[in-house]
């Protein structure tokens, strides 16, 4: 049985123009021609056409289909895998767009008459969050926002405004007003970030790098540095009750220099905690070695001073107020340091076999 091109088009629902195109590009040639040069298609041609349409249903290009048909299906698995990956990416982008539009809608509803600048800044801000935070991170932040009923922003706005006012007036970060604001700042941030130092690391990096974030929040790198200095002063005033002036000599400057290293270290330790690793784990002990190195640097490499500092932390809850330094993390670190001290102490004890025997002389 031979079918003319019009008949084949009618039976398959494919246009004559499409069949002409398939013939032109070599994808489907008719097996015969009539005396009048009409294209004639046999059973095999019809079967080939069905294969083509089946592959078109996978959204493959005509070139990919031709390659597959010539290779008798070779490479089909990889092409399908590519299609799956492409669809997964599209679905992910669609979900992200849906989430972004929902968030944008919520933000815009909070404004009486949002102008174009607000729209654009908000969109840029949302893009920035996507660059720095994973979906899991964003879920945590959203949950925290919902649990506080949006009060975090309301609590933070006057703090930011007051900090900016002090900075504009040239008020030193050691001023009691700045110190008090730094305490309020950390309390609010701990609520917003679920006391997770990993989120603090990301929010600081985003704030320092993204102009849209700075424009919308009013916080920039200069304010973050001002807060770090004010936080150093808050701790300095507490440590004065435990340490001499000589022991405190370099604390302020070194606190500022090492603050970001500490936060990054907190984040790595938090990760070990969530993995369920005990303080005896090699990875944890390596982190605590860095902790000890930073701590000794802060206190002039004086172990005796560090003992006093640990005592201060046991007695002063205000010293735990910081970016992600939760009571749980601090307790975990203290257990790890105690284990570290114990190991060091055991290594110093002489072995019984090394003791001189009764009546012998060792030089």
Protein backbone atom coordinates (compact mmCIF):
# COMPACT_ATOMS: atom_id res chain seq x y z
CA UNK A 1 0.00 0.00 0.00
CA UNK A 2 1.33 3.36 -1.05
CA UNK A 3 0.04 6.67 0.23
CA UNK A 4 0.29 10.02 -1.49
CA UNK A 5 1.59 12.85 0.61
CA UNK A 6 -1.87 14.35 1.11
CA UNK A 7 -3.26 11.03 2.30
CA UNK A 8 -0.38 10.53 4.73
CA UNK A 9 -0.86 14.04 6.07
CA UNK A 10 -4.57 13.43 6.56
CA UNK A 11 -4.07 10.14 8.41
CA UNK A 12 -1.30 11.32 10.71
CA UNK A 13 -2.39 14.90 11.36
CA UNK A 14 0.91 16.23 10.06
CA UNK A 15 0.88 19.02 7.50
CA UNK A 16 2.03 18.51 3.94
CA UNK A 17 4.44 21.37 4.48
CA UNK A 18 6.07 19.48 7.37
CA UNK A 19 6.42 16.32 5.27
CA UNK A 20 8.04 18.38 2.49
CA UNK A 21 10.47 19.76 5.05
CA UNK A 22 11.32 16.29 6.38
CA UNK A 23 12.05 15.18 2.82
CA UNK A 24 14.17 18.26 2.14
CA UNK A 25 16.41 17.77 5.17
CA UNK A 26 16.74 14.03 4.61
CA UNK A 27 14.79 13.00 7.68
CA UNK A 28 12.04 11.10 5.80
CA UNK A 29 12.28 10.40 2.07
CA UNK A 30 9.30 8.80 0.27
CA UNK A 31 10.17 5.32 -0.94
CA UNK A 32 8.61 5.84 -4.37
CA UNK A 33 7.34 8.35 -6.90
CA UNK A 34 4.32 8.10 -9.17
CA UNK A 35 4.48 8.50 -12.93
CA UNK A 36 3.47 12.10 -12.30
CA UNK A 37 6.34 12.46 -9.78
CA UNK A 38 4.06 12.49 -6.74
CA UNK A 39 5.66 11.35 -3.48
CA UNK A 40 4.50 7.89 -2.42
CA UNK A 41 4.99 6.51 1.08
CA UNK A 42 4.95 2.82 1.99
CA UNK A 43 4.39 1.02 5.33
CA UNK A 44 8.03 1.44 6.37
CA UNK A 45 7.87 5.18 5.69
CA UNK A 46 4.77 5.46 7.87
CA UNK A 47 6.54 3.55 10.68
CA UNK A 48 9.54 5.89 10.36
CA UNK A 49 7.23 8.89 10.57
CA UNK A 50 5.76 7.54 13.81
CA UNK A 51 9.28 7.16 15.23
CA UNK A 52 10.01 10.75 14.32
CA UNK A 53 6.86 12.01 15.99
CA UNK A 54 7.53 9.92 19.10
CA UNK A 55 10.98 11.48 19.43
CA UNK A 56 9.53 14.92 18.78
CA UNK A 57 7.35 14.26 21.82
CA UNK A 58 10.56 14.22 23.87
CA UNK A 59 11.22 17.77 22.65
CA UNK A 60 14.30 16.69 20.71
CA UNK A 61 15.53 18.75 17.79
CA UNK A 62 15.23 17.41 14.24
CA UNK A 63 19.02 17.11 14.08
CA UNK A 64 19.04 15.02 17.25
CA UNK A 65 16.24 12.83 15.86
CA UNK A 66 18.11 12.29 12.58
CA UNK A 67 21.24 11.30 14.49
CA UNK A 68 19.31 8.86 16.66
CA UNK A 69 17.52 7.24 13.71
CA UNK A 70 20.75 6.83 11.80
CA UNK A 71 22.40 5.28 14.82
CA UNK A 72 19.45 2.97 15.50
CA UNK A 73 18.84 4.44 18.95
CA UNK A 74 22.46 4.87 20.03
CA UNK A 75 22.74 7.80 22.43
CA UNK A 76 19.03 7.85 23.27
CA UNK A 77 19.73 7.30 26.97
CA UNK A 78 22.02 10.33 27.16
CA UNK A 79 19.56 12.49 25.21
CA UNK A 80 16.72 11.50 27.53
CA UNK A 81 18.94 12.14 30.57
CA UNK A 82 19.70 15.61 29.16
CA UNK A 83 15.99 16.22 28.75
CA UNK A 84 15.35 15.15 32.34
CA UNK A 85 18.06 17.48 33.63
CA UNK A 86 16.70 20.31 31.53
CA UNK A 87 13.18 19.79 32.83
CA UNK A 88 14.42 19.60 36.41
CA UNK A 89 16.22 22.91 35.92
CA UNK A 90 13.09 24.48 34.43
CA UNK A 91 10.97 23.22 37.33
CA UNK A 92 13.50 24.54 39.82
CA UNK A 93 13.51 27.93 38.11
CA UNK A 94 9.71 27.94 38.06
CA UNK A 95 9.53 27.12 41.78
CA UNK A 96 12.12 29.81 42.52
CA UNK A 97 10.17 32.37 40.46
CA UNK A 98 6.96 31.37 42.24
CA UNK A 99 8.61 31.81 45.64
CA UNK A 100 10.18 35.11 44.58
CA UNK A 101 6.86 36.48 43.32
CA UNK A 102 5.13 35.43 46.53
CA UNK A 103 7.78 37.18 48.62
CA UNK A 104 7.64 40.24 46.40
CA UNK A 105 3.87 40.34 46.75
CA UNK A 106 4.15 40.22 50.54
CA UNK A 107 6.75 43.00 50.56
CA UNK A 108 4.75 45.20 48.23
CA UNK A 109 1.57 44.75 50.27
CA UNK A 110 3.44 46.22 53.23
CA UNK A 111 3.93 49.45 51.25
CA UNK A 112 1.01 51.78 50.61
CA UNK A 113 2.16 52.89 47.17
CA UNK A 114 5.47 51.25 46.27
CA UNK A 115 7.33 53.23 43.62
CA UNK A 116 9.45 51.84 40.79
CA UNK A 117 12.69 52.31 42.74
CA UNK A 118 11.31 50.22 45.61
CA UNK A 119 10.19 47.50 43.17
CA UNK A 120 13.59 47.31 41.50
CA UNK A 121 15.53 47.42 44.74
CA UNK A 122 13.36 44.67 46.20
CA UNK A 123 13.84 42.46 43.15
CA UNK A 124 17.60 43.01 43.31
CA UNK A 125 17.58 42.18 47.02
CA UNK A 126 15.75 38.91 46.38
CA UNK A 127 18.26 37.99 43.69
CA UNK A 128 21.06 38.71 46.14
CA UNK A 129 19.57 36.33 48.71
CA UNK A 130 19.50 33.62 46.06
CA UNK A 131 23.23 34.09 45.45
CA UNK A 132 24.26 33.66 49.07
CA UNK A 133 21.67 31.43 50.72
CA UNK A 134 20.66 27.87 49.89
CA UNK A 135 17.01 26.83 49.74
CA UNK A 136 17.43 25.26 53.19
CA UNK A 137 18.84 28.55 54.52
CA UNK A 138 15.96 30.54 53.04
CA UNK A 139 13.48 28.11 54.56
CA UNK A 140 15.01 28.68 58.01
CA UNK A 141 14.93 32.46 57.57
CA UNK A 142 11.32 32.34 56.39
CA UNK A 143 10.34 30.14 59.32
CA UNK A 144 12.02 32.51 61.77
CA UNK A 145 10.23 35.46 60.19
CA UNK A 146 6.89 33.70 60.47
CA UNK A 147 7.52 32.64 64.07
CA UNK A 148 8.26 36.24 65.05
CA UNK A 149 5.32 37.54 62.97
CA UNK A 150 7.63 39.93 61.15
CA UNK A 151 8.71 41.64 64.37
CA UNK A 152 12.40 41.23 63.55
CA UNK A 153 12.26 44.00 60.97
CA UNK A 154 10.30 46.22 63.35
CA UNK A 155 12.86 45.64 66.11
CA UNK A 156 15.84 46.18 63.83
CA UNK A 157 14.74 49.38 62.07
CA UNK A 158 15.17 51.72 65.09
CA UNK A 159 18.52 50.08 65.94
CA UNK A 160 19.84 50.70 62.43
CA UNK A 161 18.54 54.28 62.45
CA UNK A 162 20.15 54.98 65.83
CA UNK A 163 23.46 53.47 64.74
CA UNK A 164 23.47 55.56 61.57
CA UNK A 165 22.76 58.67 63.61
CA UNK A 166 25.71 57.99 65.93
CA UNK A 167 28.00 57.33 63.00
CA UNK A 168 26.89 60.49 61.18
CA UNK A 169 27.59 62.51 64.34
CA UNK A 170 31.06 61.01 64.63
CA UNK A 171 30.27 59.35 67.97
CA UNK A 172 32.95 56.78 68.84
CA UNK A 173 32.04 53.09 68.84
CA UNK A 174 33.24 52.95 72.48
CA UNK A 175 30.43 55.30 73.52
CA UNK A 176 27.94 53.61 75.90
CA UNK A 177 25.12 54.35 73.43
CA UNK A 178 26.91 52.47 70.68
CA UNK A 179 27.68 49.58 73.02
CA UNK A 180 24.02 49.35 74.07
CA UNK A 181 22.92 49.33 70.43
CA UNK A 182 25.39 46.55 69.61
CA UNK A 183 23.81 44.44 72.35
CA UNK A 184 20.33 45.06 70.91
CA UNK A 185 21.62 44.30 67.42
CA UNK A 186 23.03 40.91 68.41
CA UNK A 187 19.88 39.94 70.31
CA UNK A 188 17.67 40.64 67.30
CA UNK A 189 20.09 38.99 64.86
CA UNK A 190 20.29 35.86 66.98
CA UNK A 191 16.50 35.60 66.76
CA UNK A 192 16.47 36.21 63.01
CA UNK A 193 19.39 33.84 62.27
CA UNK A 194 18.28 31.09 64.68
CA UNK A 195 21.67 31.52 66.42
CA UNK A 196 23.26 29.79 63.42
CA UNK A 197 26.74 31.22 62.71
CA UNK A 198 26.63 29.82 59.17
CA UNK A 199 23.81 32.23 58.39
CA UNK A 200 25.73 35.10 60.01
CA UNK A 201 28.70 34.44 57.71
CA UNK A 202 26.46 34.60 54.65
CA UNK A 203 24.45 37.63 55.73
CA UNK A 204 27.64 39.59 56.44
CA UNK A 205 29.19 38.67 53.09
CA UNK A 206 26.00 39.64 51.27
CA UNK A 207 25.68 42.91 53.18
CA UNK A 208 29.25 43.93 52.43
CA UNK A 209 29.04 43.06 48.72
CA UNK A 210 25.51 43.88 47.55
CA UNK A 211 24.48 47.50 47.00
CA UNK A 212 20.80 46.53 46.83
CA UNK A 213 20.98 45.06 50.32
CA UNK A 214 22.69 48.20 51.61
CA UNK A 215 20.10 50.43 49.93
CA UNK A 216 17.11 48.57 51.31
CA UNK A 217 18.38 47.81 54.84
CA UNK A 218 20.56 50.86 55.53
CA UNK A 219 23.37 48.56 56.70
CA UNK A 220 26.76 48.54 54.98
CA UNK A 221 30.32 47.42 55.68
CA UNK A 222 31.07 50.59 57.63
CA UNK A 223 28.18 49.93 60.01
CA UNK A 224 29.23 46.30 60.46
CA UNK A 225 32.74 47.45 61.38
CA UNK A 226 31.31 50.04 63.79
CA UNK A 227 29.26 47.30 65.44
CA UNK A 228 32.29 45.03 65.75
CA UNK A 229 34.22 47.80 67.54
CA UNK A 230 31.23 48.44 69.83
CA UNK A 231 30.99 44.72 70.58
CA UNK A 232 34.68 44.68 71.47
CA UNK A 233 34.06 47.51 73.92
CA UNK A 234 31.14 45.64 75.51
CA UNK A 235 33.38 42.64 76.14
CA UNK A 236 36.27 44.82 77.23
CA UNK A 237 34.17 46.30 80.04
CA UNK A 238 33.28 42.80 81.28
CA UNK A 239 36.83 41.44 81.06
CA UNK A 240 38.07 44.38 83.14
CA UNK A 241 36.52 42.69 86.17
CA UNK A 242 38.77 39.66 85.68
CA UNK A 243 41.94 40.89 83.98
CA UNK A 244 44.65 43.46 84.54
CA UNK A 245 45.19 46.41 82.23
CA UNK A 246 48.33 44.76 80.91
CA UNK A 247 46.38 41.63 80.02
CA UNK A 248 43.77 43.73 78.23
CA UNK A 249 46.29 45.82 76.33
CA UNK A 250 45.77 44.40 72.83
CA UNK A 251 42.26 43.03 73.22
CA UNK A 252 40.29 45.71 71.30
CA UNK A 253 42.44 45.71 68.17
CA UNK A 254 42.84 41.94 68.01
CA UNK A 255 39.13 41.38 68.60
CA UNK A 256 38.37 43.50 65.53
CA UNK A 257 41.04 41.80 63.41
CA UNK A 258 39.93 38.29 64.32
CA UNK A 259 36.16 38.77 64.61
CA UNK A 260 35.35 37.35 61.18
CA UNK A 261 37.74 34.43 61.70
CA UNK A 262 35.88 33.59 64.88
CA UNK A 263 32.47 33.68 63.18
CA UNK A 264 33.74 31.42 60.40
CA UNK A 265 35.09 29.06 63.05
CA UNK A 266 31.76 29.09 64.89
CA UNK A 267 30.08 28.12 61.61
CA UNK A 268 32.39 25.13 61.08
CA UNK A 269 31.90 23.96 64.66
CA UNK A 270 28.12 24.26 64.30
CA UNK A 271 28.37 22.04 61.23
CA UNK A 272 30.24 19.39 63.24
CA UNK A 273 27.59 19.56 65.96
CA UNK A 274 24.81 18.95 63.45
CA UNK A 275 26.72 16.03 61.96
CA UNK A 276 26.59 14.47 65.42
CA UNK A 277 30.36 14.40 65.88
CA UNK A 278 31.60 14.25 69.46
CA UNK A 279 34.24 16.62 70.79
CA UNK A 280 36.80 13.80 70.67
CA UNK A 281 36.51 13.62 66.87
CA UNK A 282 39.69 14.55 65.02
CA UNK A 283 37.88 17.11 62.86
CA UNK A 284 36.45 18.81 65.96
CA UNK A 285 39.79 18.81 67.74
CA UNK A 286 41.40 20.40 64.67
CA UNK A 287 38.84 23.20 64.87
CA UNK A 288 39.46 23.63 68.58
CA UNK A 289 43.18 23.87 67.90
CA UNK A 290 42.35 26.89 65.73
CA UNK A 291 40.10 28.19 68.51
CA UNK A 292 42.94 27.90 71.03
CA UNK A 293 45.37 29.59 68.67
CA UNK A 294 43.02 32.55 68.18
CA UNK A 295 42.35 32.74 71.91
CA UNK A 296 46.01 32.70 72.86
CA UNK A 297 46.71 35.39 70.26
CA UNK A 298 44.00 37.57 71.82
CA UNK A 299 45.59 37.27 75.26
CA UNK A 300 49.25 37.69 74.44
CA UNK A 301 50.00 33.96 74.32
CA UNK A 302 49.56 33.80 78.09
CA UNK A 303 47.91 30.56 79.18
CA UNK A 304 47.39 31.97 82.68
CA UNK A 305 45.33 34.82 81.21
CA UNK A 306 43.30 32.37 79.16
CA UNK A 307 42.32 30.52 82.35
CA UNK A 308 40.89 33.78 83.72
CA UNK A 309 39.06 34.41 80.44
CA UNK A 310 37.42 30.99 80.59
CA UNK A 311 36.31 31.78 84.13
CA UNK A 312 34.78 35.04 82.91
CA UNK A 313 32.81 33.16 80.26
CA UNK A 314 31.50 30.75 82.88
CA UNK A 315 30.22 33.63 85.01
CA UNK A 316 29.13 36.24 82.45
CA UNK A 317 26.22 35.31 80.19
CA UNK A 318 26.66 38.61 78.29
CA UNK A 319 29.92 37.27 76.82
CA UNK A 320 27.91 34.64 74.94
CA UNK A 321 25.98 37.32 73.08
CA UNK A 322 27.44 37.32 69.60
CA UNK A 323 27.08 36.09 66.03
CA UNK A 324 26.06 32.49 66.48
CA UNK A 325 27.84 31.88 69.78
CA UNK A 326 24.87 30.07 71.30
CA UNK A 327 25.01 28.50 74.78
CA UNK A 328 24.92 25.06 73.14
CA UNK A 329 27.88 25.83 70.90
CA UNK A 330 29.84 27.36 73.77
CA UNK A 331 29.16 24.33 75.99
CA UNK A 332 30.27 22.03 73.14
CA UNK A 333 33.50 24.00 72.75
CA UNK A 334 34.16 23.99 76.48
CA UNK A 335 33.78 20.20 76.60
CA UNK A 336 36.15 19.91 73.67
CA UNK A 337 38.72 22.19 75.30
CA UNK A 338 38.51 20.23 78.55
CA UNK A 339 39.14 17.03 76.62
CA UNK A 340 42.01 18.73 74.82
CA UNK A 341 43.53 19.86 78.14
CA UNK A 342 43.14 16.36 79.54
CA UNK A 343 44.97 14.78 76.61
CA UNK A 344 47.74 17.37 76.88
CA UNK A 345 48.05 16.69 80.62
CA UNK A 346 48.24 12.93 80.12
CA UNK A 347 50.94 13.35 77.49
CA UNK A 348 53.06 15.30 79.95
CA UNK A 349 52.99 12.57 82.62
CA UNK A 350 56.13 10.43 82.54
CA UNK A 351 55.58 6.77 81.81
CA UNK A 352 56.24 4.37 84.73
CA UNK A 353 58.88 2.57 82.65
CA UNK A 354 60.80 5.82 82.38
CA UNK A 355 61.21 6.10 86.18
CA UNK A 356 64.63 5.12 87.55
CA UNK A 357 64.76 1.82 89.40
CA UNK A 358 65.52 1.81 93.09
CA UNK A 359 69.23 2.11 93.73
CA UNK A 360 70.23 3.15 90.21
CA UNK A 361 71.55 6.56 89.10
CA UNK A 362 70.43 8.46 86.03
CA UNK A 363 72.09 11.64 84.92
